[in-house]
Amino acid sequence: MKIALLGYGKMGKAIEQIALQRGHSIVIKVDKNTTSYNITQADVAIDFSIPSAAVANISNCINNGVPIISGTTGWLDNYENMVALTNENGGAFIYASNFSLGVNIFFELNKTLAKMMSNLSQYTTSIEEIHHTQKLDAPSGTAITLAEGIIENTSYNNWKLGKSDNSKEISIEAKRIDNVPGTHHINYTSQVDTISISHTAHSRDGFALGAIIAAEWLIGKTGVFTMNNVLNIG
């Protein structure tokens, strides 16, 4: 599989190492200094760029018939436009706020717990996420996905970055600490106890491996997919 890496930061380099270990080749590496490239050289593209570049990267791939997976967060106001473009062009596209296999299992566990807690009004739900200081967006895309999973299955109707005084809003606390790949805690707190579930990434390798597995899965397919499709869960 010939891969284009759209974004060659820490994640791009981690993906490169795992891709090579799995017998793939990297034919394009795009960073902030790249001025032009031919995306059609690649069998599939993996986008871990920056929010301002994601839409252009995805559009370029779809318009040129190259399947693309994107793990860039912070651009989702344009997500439905990218879905429409993919469908109009018969393309193949996967977006995930987190490609880690463990996190995607955690997403489903989060929804299951939310359903169990939905009628227990004495508990207040909150989310805490911790990432490295280079992360550009807050809260993380993963935290937003977790909040959306809770909202779908409870009476909460929104989330807020920071402490919320609205009983229908989920408070999300975002912390930035050096060299933390990603930690997420879901807390249900009452006057008598707290129920928590957590996912802690030990390195970027889990994200990178999931991205490669998604790219391998996407080859030869048409449509817009999620990691649930890749893992056959949910």
Protein backbone atom coordinates (compact mmCIF):
# COMPACT_ATOMS: atom_id res chain seq x y z
CA MET A 1 0.00 0.00 0.00
CA LYS A 2 1.41 3.39 -1.06
CA ILE A 3 0.54 6.00 1.56
CA ALA A 4 0.47 9.81 1.46
CA LEU A 5 1.05 11.37 4.87
CA LEU A 6 -0.71 14.73 4.98
CA GLY A 7 0.92 16.16 8.06
CA TYR A 8 4.37 15.01 9.08
CA GLY A 9 4.54 15.97 12.74
CA LYS A 10 4.82 13.57 15.66
CA MET A 11 1.75 11.59 14.60
CA GLY A 12 2.83 11.45 10.99
CA LYS A 13 6.23 10.11 11.99
CA ALA A 14 4.65 7.49 14.29
CA ILE A 15 2.35 6.38 11.46
CA GLU A 16 5.32 6.16 9.11
CA GLN A 17 7.20 3.79 11.42
CA ILE A 18 4.25 1.43 11.88
CA ALA A 19 3.35 1.57 8.19
CA LEU A 20 6.88 0.50 7.25
CA GLN A 21 6.77 -2.31 9.83
CA ARG A 22 3.56 -3.56 8.20
CA GLY A 23 5.16 -3.62 4.74
CA HIS A 24 3.71 -0.40 3.32
CA SER A 25 5.56 2.47 1.66
CA ILE A 26 5.32 6.23 2.18
CA VAL A 27 5.27 7.98 -1.19
CA ILE A 28 4.29 11.51 -0.09
CA LYS A 29 5.12 13.44 3.08
CA VAL A 30 3.42 16.82 3.40
CA ASP A 31 4.48 19.33 6.04
CA LYS A 32 4.26 23.10 6.38
CA ASN A 33 7.09 23.58 3.88
CA THR A 34 5.54 21.44 1.11
CA THR A 35 4.35 23.56 -1.82
CA SER A 36 3.09 20.95 -4.31
CA TYR A 37 2.65 17.20 -4.71
CA ASN A 38 0.74 14.71 -6.84
CA ILE A 39 -1.77 12.94 -4.58
CA THR A 40 -2.56 10.37 -7.28
CA GLN A 41 0.78 8.68 -6.57
CA ALA A 42 -0.81 7.26 -3.41
CA ASP A 43 -3.23 4.37 -2.89
CA VAL A 44 -4.55 6.04 0.27
CA ALA A 45 -3.95 9.24 2.24
CA ILE A 46 -3.73 9.68 6.00
CA ASP A 47 -4.40 13.21 7.22
CA PHE A 48 -3.03 14.33 10.58
CA SER A 49 -2.45 17.94 9.63
CA ILE A 50 -3.89 21.11 11.19
CA PRO A 51 -7.51 22.34 11.28
CA SER A 52 -6.94 25.02 8.62
CA ALA A 53 -5.53 22.46 6.15
CA ALA A 54 -7.87 19.51 6.68
CA VAL A 55 -10.70 20.50 4.33
CA ALA A 56 -8.31 21.25 1.46
CA ASN A 57 -6.48 17.96 2.05
CA ILE A 58 -9.67 15.89 2.12
CA SER A 59 -11.14 17.68 -0.91
CA ASN A 60 -7.97 17.17 -2.92
CA CYS A 61 -8.01 13.44 -2.23
CA ILE A 62 -11.71 12.95 -2.95
CA ASN A 63 -11.54 15.00 -6.16
CA ASN A 64 -8.64 12.83 -7.34
CA GLY A 65 -10.08 9.46 -6.41
CA VAL A 66 -7.75 8.78 -3.48
CA PRO A 67 -9.31 7.24 -0.34
CA ILE A 68 -8.56 9.30 2.73
CA ILE A 69 -8.74 8.89 6.49
CA SER A 70 -8.51 11.99 8.67
CA GLY A 71 -7.68 12.26 12.33
CA THR A 72 -7.35 16.03 12.32
CA THR A 73 -9.77 17.72 14.72
CA GLY A 74 -11.03 21.28 14.91
CA TRP A 75 -12.53 21.52 11.38
CA LEU A 76 -15.85 19.68 11.82
CA ASP A 77 -18.04 22.64 10.88
CA ASN A 78 -17.26 21.46 7.34
CA TYR A 79 -17.75 17.73 7.98
CA GLU A 80 -21.12 17.46 6.19
CA ASN A 81 -19.63 19.24 3.16
CA MET A 82 -16.91 16.60 3.00
CA VAL A 83 -19.51 13.83 3.33
CA ALA A 84 -21.46 15.33 0.42
CA LEU A 85 -18.30 15.69 -1.68
CA THR A 86 -17.38 12.06 -1.00
CA ASN A 87 -20.82 10.80 -1.99
CA GLU A 88 -20.98 12.99 -5.10
CA ASN A 89 -17.62 11.69 -6.32
CA GLY A 90 -17.99 8.05 -5.28
CA GLY A 91 -15.04 8.49 -2.95
CA ALA A 92 -13.99 6.81 0.29
CA PHE A 93 -13.53 8.70 3.55
CA ILE A 94 -13.16 7.95 7.25
CA TYR A 95 -13.01 10.62 9.93
CA ALA A 96 -12.36 9.72 13.55
CA SER A 97 -11.62 11.96 16.49
CA ASN A 98 -9.38 9.12 17.67
CA PHE A 99 -8.18 6.08 15.72
CA SER A 100 -6.93 4.14 18.75
CA LEU A 101 -8.60 0.74 18.87
CA GLY A 102 -8.84 1.00 22.67
CA VAL A 103 -10.44 4.45 22.53
CA ASN A 104 -13.08 3.27 20.08
CA ILE A 105 -13.97 0.47 22.47
CA PHE A 106 -14.02 3.14 25.22
CA PHE A 107 -16.50 5.17 23.14
CA GLU A 108 -18.92 2.23 23.18
CA LEU A 109 -18.35 1.60 26.90
CA ASN A 110 -19.10 5.30 27.51
CA LYS A 111 -22.46 5.01 25.71
CA THR A 112 -23.38 1.87 27.64
CA LEU A 113 -22.61 3.50 30.99
CA ALA A 114 -24.54 6.63 29.98
CA LYS A 115 -27.63 4.51 29.30
CA MET A 116 -27.29 2.86 32.71
CA MET A 117 -26.96 6.24 34.45
CA SER A 118 -29.62 8.09 32.47
CA ASN A 119 -32.36 7.83 35.12
CA LEU A 120 -30.11 8.51 38.12
CA SER A 121 -30.54 12.27 38.48
CA GLN A 122 -28.49 12.41 41.69
CA TYR A 123 -25.30 11.99 39.63
CA THR A 124 -23.59 14.86 37.80
CA THR A 125 -21.54 13.95 34.73
CA SER A 126 -18.20 15.55 33.89
CA ILE A 127 -15.28 14.87 31.57
CA GLU A 128 -11.59 15.55 32.07
CA GLU A 129 -9.07 15.31 29.25
CA ILE A 130 -5.28 15.70 29.45
CA HIS A 131 -2.99 16.13 26.44
CA HIS A 132 0.47 17.36 25.53
CA THR A 133 1.09 21.11 25.37
CA GLN A 134 1.43 21.09 21.56
CA LYS A 135 -2.22 20.11 21.06
CA LEU A 136 -3.91 23.01 19.28
CA ASP A 137 -7.59 22.45 20.08
CA ALA A 138 -9.47 22.22 23.37
CA PRO A 139 -11.41 20.28 24.31
CA SER A 140 -10.01 17.34 22.40
CA GLY A 141 -12.02 15.78 19.60
CA THR A 142 -12.09 12.60 21.68
CA ALA A 143 -13.65 14.47 24.63
CA ILE A 144 -16.28 15.95 22.33
CA THR A 145 -17.09 12.49 20.95
CA LEU A 146 -17.44 11.19 24.51
CA ALA A 147 -19.73 14.10 25.41
CA GLU A 148 -21.85 13.46 22.31
CA GLY A 149 -22.15 9.80 23.29
CA ILE A 150 -23.47 10.82 26.70
CA ILE A 151 -25.87 13.40 25.23
CA GLU A 152 -27.32 10.78 22.87
CA ASN A 153 -28.21 8.53 25.78
CA THR A 154 -29.17 10.89 28.63
CA SER A 155 -31.11 14.10 29.27
CA TYR A 156 -27.98 16.25 28.80
CA ASN A 157 -28.30 18.49 25.77
CA ASN A 158 -24.94 20.23 25.49
CA TRP A 159 -21.35 20.38 26.74
CA LYS A 160 -19.23 23.30 27.89
CA LEU A 161 -15.47 23.78 28.14
CA GLY A 162 -14.91 24.61 31.80
CA LYS A 163 -17.32 24.41 34.73
CA SER A 164 -20.99 24.69 33.84
CA ASP A 165 -23.79 25.77 36.20
CA ASN A 166 -26.40 24.41 33.78
CA SER A 167 -27.66 21.00 34.93
CA LYS A 168 -28.21 20.00 31.28
CA GLU A 169 -24.61 20.72 30.25
CA ILE A 170 -21.62 18.41 30.63
CA SER A 171 -18.56 20.20 32.00
CA ILE A 172 -15.32 19.37 30.17
CA GLU A 173 -12.00 20.23 31.79
CA ALA A 174 -9.04 20.35 29.38
CA LYS A 175 -5.52 20.16 30.80
CA ARG A 176 -2.28 20.54 28.84
CA ILE A 177 0.81 18.84 30.29
CA ASP A 178 4.13 18.05 28.60
CA ASN A 179 4.51 14.58 27.04
CA VAL A 180 0.97 13.30 27.74
CA PRO A 181 -0.31 11.42 24.64
CA GLY A 182 -3.92 11.49 25.81
CA THR A 183 -5.97 10.66 28.92
CA HIS A 184 -9.76 10.84 29.26
CA HIS A 185 -11.88 10.42 32.40
CA ILE A 186 -15.68 10.21 32.57
CA ASN A 187 -17.01 10.91 36.07
CA TYR A 188 -20.49 10.45 37.50
CA THR A 189 -20.49 12.14 40.91
CA SER A 190 -23.16 12.17 43.64
CA GLN A 191 -23.05 13.18 47.30
CA VAL A 192 -22.24 9.60 48.32
CA ASP A 193 -19.90 8.29 45.62
CA THR A 194 -18.25 8.70 42.22
CA ILE A 195 -18.30 6.26 39.31
CA SER A 196 -15.47 6.74 36.80
CA ILE A 197 -14.21 5.16 33.61
CA SER A 198 -10.92 6.14 32.01
CA HIS A 199 -8.72 5.58 29.01
CA THR A 200 -5.00 6.37 29.18
CA ALA A 201 -2.76 6.24 26.13
CA HIS A 202 0.83 5.26 26.90
CA SER A 203 2.21 6.42 23.53
CA ARG A 204 1.10 7.58 20.09
CA ASP A 205 1.58 4.08 18.70
CA GLY A 206 -2.02 3.09 19.47
CA PHE A 207 -3.34 6.03 17.44
CA ALA A 208 -0.90 5.30 14.62
CA LEU A 209 -1.71 1.59 14.44
CA GLY A 210 -5.45 2.31 14.33
CA ALA A 211 -4.94 4.79 11.50
CA ILE A 212 -3.00 2.23 9.46
CA ILE A 213 -5.62 -0.47 10.10
CA ALA A 214 -8.34 1.96 8.98
CA ALA A 215 -6.39 2.80 5.82
CA GLU A 216 -5.91 -0.91 5.03
CA TRP A 217 -9.64 -1.49 5.54
CA LEU A 218 -10.72 1.49 3.38
CA ILE A 219 -8.89 0.42 0.21
CA GLY A 220 -11.39 -0.70 -2.44
CA LYS A 221 -14.45 0.68 -0.64
CA THR A 222 -16.82 3.52 -1.53
CA GLY A 223 -18.62 5.70 0.98
CA VAL A 224 -18.24 7.50 4.31
CA PHE A 225 -17.33 5.28 7.25
CA THR A 226 -16.37 5.38 10.92
CA MET A 227 -14.09 3.32 13.13
CA ASN A 228 -17.16 1.33 14.20
CA ASN A 229 -17.32 0.04 10.63
CA VAL A 230 -13.61 -0.78 10.67
CA LEU A 231 -13.84 -2.65 13.99
CA ASN A 232 -17.39 -4.01 13.44
CA ILE A 233 -18.58 -2.70 16.80
CA GLY A 234 -21.48 -0.53 17.98
